[in-house]
Protein backbone atom coordinates (compact mmCIF):
# COMPACT_ATOMS: atom_id res chain seq x y z
CA UNK A 1 0.00 0.00 0.00
CA UNK A 2 1.50 3.33 -1.06
CA UNK A 3 1.56 6.39 1.20
CA UNK A 4 -1.49 8.02 -0.41
CA UNK A 5 -3.58 4.84 -0.21
CA UNK A 6 -2.55 4.33 3.41
CA UNK A 7 -3.50 7.92 4.22
CA UNK A 8 -6.94 7.45 2.62
CA UNK A 9 -7.42 4.18 4.51
CA UNK A 10 -6.53 5.79 7.86
CA UNK A 11 -8.78 8.77 7.14
CA UNK A 12 -11.69 6.46 6.36
CA UNK A 13 -11.11 4.45 9.54
CA UNK A 14 -11.18 7.70 11.51
CA UNK A 15 -14.45 8.71 9.84
CA UNK A 16 -15.99 5.35 10.76
CA UNK A 17 -14.89 5.96 14.37
CA UNK A 18 -16.55 9.36 14.23
CA UNK A 19 -19.74 7.70 13.03
CA UNK A 20 -19.61 5.28 15.96
CA UNK A 21 -19.00 8.18 18.36
CA UNK A 22 -22.04 10.03 17.05
CA UNK A 23 -24.18 6.92 17.47
CA UNK A 24 -22.85 6.43 21.00
CA UNK A 25 -23.70 10.05 21.83
CA UNK A 26 -27.20 9.62 20.44
CA UNK A 27 -27.66 6.32 22.26
CA UNK A 28 -26.58 7.84 25.58
CA UNK A 29 -29.04 10.70 25.14
CA UNK A 30 -31.85 8.30 24.29
CA UNK A 31 -31.08 6.21 27.40
CA UNK A 32 -31.20 9.33 29.56
CA UNK A 33 -34.43 10.50 27.95
CA UNK A 34 -36.24 7.24 28.57
CA UNK A 35 -35.00 7.02 32.17
CA UNK A 36 -36.08 10.62 32.78
CA UNK A 37 -39.50 10.11 31.23
CA UNK A 38 -40.24 7.08 33.41
CA UNK A 39 -38.98 8.92 36.50
CA UNK A 40 -41.15 11.95 35.67
CA UNK A 41 -44.20 9.71 35.29
CA UNK A 42 -43.48 7.79 38.49
CA UNK A 43 -43.06 10.95 40.57
CA UNK A 44 -45.63 13.07 38.76
CA UNK A 45 -42.83 15.53 38.02
CA UNK A 46 -44.28 17.71 35.26
CA UNK A 47 -41.24 20.01 35.17
CA UNK A 48 -38.94 17.09 34.38
CA UNK A 49 -41.46 15.83 31.81
CA UNK A 50 -41.33 19.18 30.00
CA UNK A 51 -37.53 19.02 29.94
CA UNK A 52 -37.70 15.55 28.36
CA UNK A 53 -40.09 16.77 25.67
CA UNK A 54 -37.88 19.77 24.88
CA UNK A 55 -34.68 17.69 24.64
CA UNK A 56 -36.16 15.44 21.99
CA UNK A 57 -35.02 18.04 19.43
CA UNK A 58 -31.41 17.13 20.26
CA UNK A 59 -32.09 13.52 19.30
CA UNK A 60 -33.74 14.58 16.06
CA UNK A 61 -30.74 16.77 15.23
CA UNK A 62 -28.30 13.90 15.83
CA UNK A 63 -30.38 11.62 13.63
CA UNK A 64 -30.14 14.12 10.75
CA UNK A 65 -26.41 14.64 11.38
CA UNK A 66 -25.71 10.90 11.30
CA UNK A 67 -27.75 10.47 8.15
CA UNK A 68 -25.92 13.28 6.31
CA UNK A 69 -22.52 12.11 7.57
CA UNK A 70 -23.23 8.56 6.39
CA UNK A 71 -24.39 9.67 2.94
CA UNK A 72 -21.24 11.76 2.60
CA UNK A 73 -19.09 8.74 3.51
CA UNK A 74 -20.76 6.59 0.88
CA UNK A 75 -20.41 9.29 -1.78
CA UNK A 76 -16.77 10.15 -1.08
CA UNK A 77 -15.28 6.82 0.01
CA UNK A 78 -17.40 4.40 -2.03
CA UNK A 79 -17.08 1.66 0.61
CA UNK A 80 -17.79 -1.99 -0.09
CA UNK A 81 -18.57 -5.18 1.84
CA UNK A 82 -18.38 -4.85 5.64
CA UNK A 83 -17.67 -1.11 5.61
CA UNK A 84 -20.71 -0.40 3.46
CA UNK A 85 -22.89 -2.62 5.67
CA UNK A 86 -21.63 -0.78 8.75
CA UNK A 87 -22.66 2.59 7.32
CA UNK A 88 -26.10 1.35 6.24
CA UNK A 89 -26.60 -0.28 9.64
CA UNK A 90 -25.63 2.97 11.37
CA UNK A 91 -28.30 4.86 9.40
CA UNK A 92 -30.95 2.34 10.43
CA UNK A 93 -29.80 2.27 14.06
CA UNK A 94 -29.97 6.05 14.17
CA UNK A 95 -33.54 5.89 12.88
CA UNK A 96 -34.52 3.37 15.57
CA UNK A 97 -32.88 5.49 18.27
CA UNK A 98 -34.83 8.49 17.03
CA UNK A 99 -38.05 6.49 17.33
CA UNK A 100 -37.13 5.40 20.87
CA UNK A 101 -36.62 9.08 21.65
CA UNK A 102 -40.14 9.71 20.37
CA UNK A 103 -41.48 7.01 22.67
CA UNK A 104 -39.73 8.63 25.64
CA UNK A 105 -41.26 11.97 24.68
CA UNK A 106 -44.70 10.38 24.47
CA UNK A 107 -44.32 8.87 27.95
CA UNK A 108 -43.22 12.22 29.35
CA UNK A 109 -46.26 13.90 27.84
CA UNK A 110 -48.54 11.54 29.73
CA UNK A 111 -47.13 12.78 33.06
CA UNK A 112 -49.38 15.85 33.12
CA UNK A 113 -52.53 13.79 32.72
CA UNK A 114 -51.54 10.95 35.08
CA UNK A 115 -50.41 13.36 37.83
CA UNK A 116 -53.96 14.72 38.14
CA UNK A 117 -55.23 11.36 39.44
CA UNK A 118 -54.51 9.45 42.67
CA UNK A 119 -51.52 7.12 42.17
CA UNK A 120 -52.21 3.52 41.15
CA UNK A 121 -50.22 0.49 42.19
CA UNK A 122 -49.73 -0.19 38.47
CA UNK A 123 -47.13 2.58 38.31
CA UNK A 124 -44.67 0.19 39.97
CA UNK A 125 -45.32 -2.38 37.23
CA UNK A 126 -44.65 0.29 34.61
CA UNK A 127 -41.31 1.06 36.28
CA UNK A 128 -40.44 -2.65 36.33
CA UNK A 129 -41.19 -3.00 32.62
CA UNK A 130 -39.14 0.13 31.92
CA UNK A 131 -36.11 -1.33 33.73
CA UNK A 132 -36.12 -4.35 31.42
CA UNK A 133 -36.35 -2.11 28.37
CA UNK A 134 -33.58 0.18 29.63
CA UNK A 135 -31.32 -2.83 30.19
CA UNK A 136 -32.00 -3.96 26.62
CA UNK A 137 -31.06 -0.55 25.21
CA UNK A 138 -27.76 -0.46 27.12
CA UNK A 139 -26.98 -4.03 26.12
CA UNK A 140 -27.68 -3.48 22.43
CA UNK A 141 -25.63 -0.27 22.31
CA UNK A 142 -22.71 -2.06 23.98
CA UNK A 143 -23.17 -4.92 21.50
CA UNK A 144 -22.97 -2.49 18.58
CA UNK A 145 -19.76 -0.92 19.93
CA UNK A 146 -18.19 -4.37 20.35
CA UNK A 147 -19.86 -5.78 17.20
CA UNK A 148 -20.99 -8.62 19.47
CA UNK A 149 -23.64 -10.76 17.76
CA UNK A 150 -24.06 -13.03 20.79
CA UNK A 151 -24.99 -10.08 22.99
CA UNK A 152 -27.37 -8.94 20.25
CA UNK A 153 -29.03 -12.37 20.35
CA UNK A 154 -29.60 -11.93 24.10
CA UNK A 155 -31.52 -8.74 23.34
CA UNK A 156 -33.92 -10.71 21.15
CA UNK A 157 -34.45 -13.16 23.99
CA UNK A 158 -35.20 -10.38 26.51
CA UNK A 159 -37.88 -8.89 24.26
CA UNK A 160 -40.09 -11.82 25.24
CA UNK A 161 -39.86 -10.58 28.83
CA UNK A 162 -41.04 -7.14 27.70
CA UNK A 163 -44.02 -8.69 25.91
CA UNK A 164 -44.91 -10.63 29.07
CA UNK A 165 -44.76 -7.45 31.15
CA UNK A 166 -47.01 -5.72 28.64
CA UNK A 167 -49.61 -8.50 28.63
CA UNK A 168 -49.64 -8.55 32.44
CA UNK A 169 -50.01 -4.78 32.65
CA UNK A 170 -52.80 -4.83 30.10
CA UNK A 171 -54.79 -7.30 32.19
CA UNK A 172 -54.06 -5.41 35.41
CA UNK A 173 -55.19 -2.08 33.98
CA UNK A 174 -58.36 -3.56 32.54
CA UNK A 175 -59.18 -4.97 35.96
CA UNK A 176 -58.77 -1.53 37.56
CA UNK A 177 -61.06 0.01 34.96
CA UNK A 178 -63.76 -2.61 35.45
CA UNK A 179 -63.61 -2.27 39.23
CA UNK A 180 -64.07 1.51 39.26
CA UNK A 181 -65.02 3.75 36.29
CA UNK A 182 -63.01 6.55 37.89
CA UNK A 183 -59.88 4.58 37.02
CA UNK A 184 -60.62 4.66 33.29
CA UNK A 185 -58.85 8.00 32.76
CA UNK A 186 -55.50 7.25 34.41
CA UNK A 187 -55.51 3.63 33.23
CA UNK A 188 -56.00 4.69 29.62
CA UNK A 189 -52.95 6.94 29.86
CA UNK A 190 -50.94 4.14 31.46
CA UNK A 191 -52.00 1.77 28.68
CA UNK A 192 -50.44 4.17 26.20
CA UNK A 193 -47.30 4.31 28.33
CA UNK A 194 -47.07 0.50 28.40
CA UNK A 195 -47.57 0.36 24.64
CA UNK A 196 -44.79 2.88 24.11
CA UNK A 197 -42.44 0.80 26.27
CA UNK A 198 -43.37 -2.30 24.30
CA UNK A 199 -42.53 -0.45 21.08
CA UNK A 200 -39.18 0.60 22.55
CA UNK A 201 -38.43 -3.10 22.97
CA UNK A 202 -39.27 -3.67 19.31
CA UNK A 203 -36.98 -0.88 18.13
CA UNK A 204 -34.21 -2.28 20.34
CA UNK A 205 -34.50 -5.67 18.64
CA UNK A 206 -34.33 -3.86 15.29
CA UNK A 207 -30.95 -2.50 16.38
CA UNK A 208 -29.86 -6.01 17.37
CA UNK A 209 -30.79 -7.17 13.87
CA UNK A 210 -28.58 -4.47 12.37
CA UNK A 211 -25.62 -5.80 14.34
CA UNK A 212 -26.09 -9.19 12.68
CA UNK A 213 -26.33 -7.46 9.31
CA UNK A 214 -23.19 -5.37 9.81
CA UNK A 215 -21.05 -8.19 11.20
CA UNK A 216 -22.35 -11.26 9.39
CA UNK A 217 -24.02 -9.83 6.31
CA UNK A 218 -27.24 -11.63 7.19
CA UNK A 219 -30.54 -10.59 8.68
CA UNK A 220 -32.17 -12.30 11.63
CA UNK A 221 -35.41 -13.99 10.66
CA UNK A 222 -38.37 -11.87 11.62
CA UNK A 223 -40.12 -13.27 14.66
CA UNK A 224 -43.83 -13.81 14.31
CA UNK A 225 -45.55 -12.82 17.51
CA UNK A 226 -49.21 -12.93 18.34
CA UNK A 227 -50.29 -10.12 20.62
CA UNK A 228 -53.89 -10.70 21.69
CA UNK A 229 -54.09 -7.12 22.97
CA UNK A 230 -53.15 -5.43 19.71
CA UNK A 231 -56.71 -5.14 18.48
CA UNK A 232 -57.75 -3.51 21.74
CA UNK A 233 -54.96 -1.03 22.47
CA UNK A 234 -54.20 1.87 20.11
CA UNK A 235 -50.75 1.98 18.59
CA UNK A 236 -48.11 4.05 20.36
CA UNK A 237 -48.23 7.67 19.29
CA UNK A 238 -45.93 9.03 16.65
CA UNK A 239 -43.25 11.61 17.29
């Protein structure tokens, strides 16, 4: 390899590191946003909830920055094979992180409504479900940094736990609503929160799939899941 080719190779490696750093920054912000949103909901802290909603713009800006940076890399460096897969995977991961940020924002927005009602025991179940989801996010981001497909596979396995939490919460909230019509308002908001957390789990498994794609050049087979509550609960809100 001549000096010019080696210089180009080193420059490209540095640009790929920059791409990873941007994703890590975005991932850290998304983790903090989700943790803050759940904490705001649990404590009825509307001031914190408003901060979470406002900071979502930072996530959106990073998503755009990563997308533009990646397109520039493809145009200027014309990467192939694993390098090209890495860039495409980064674009998709950024998109999933942006959607998780939207879910955190949606949860935070529910704080105002939920805080007007007496607290329900279900809030603890929401926090428990959130802890599983937060663990998944950290694990999948670490797996991406290490390009660890085995850790990514563990994320897929943990998504089943999220689905179980969601089904349990759904039944619990329906019971509260049937027992006392006054619970319908807060329980409806908490149903949306649970659905958003369930969607965060789905986006996290999407990221795990991108790790397989970047490292192995293959895609994980899509898992067919039957959610008996889907026809009853509205989809999680958009951003």
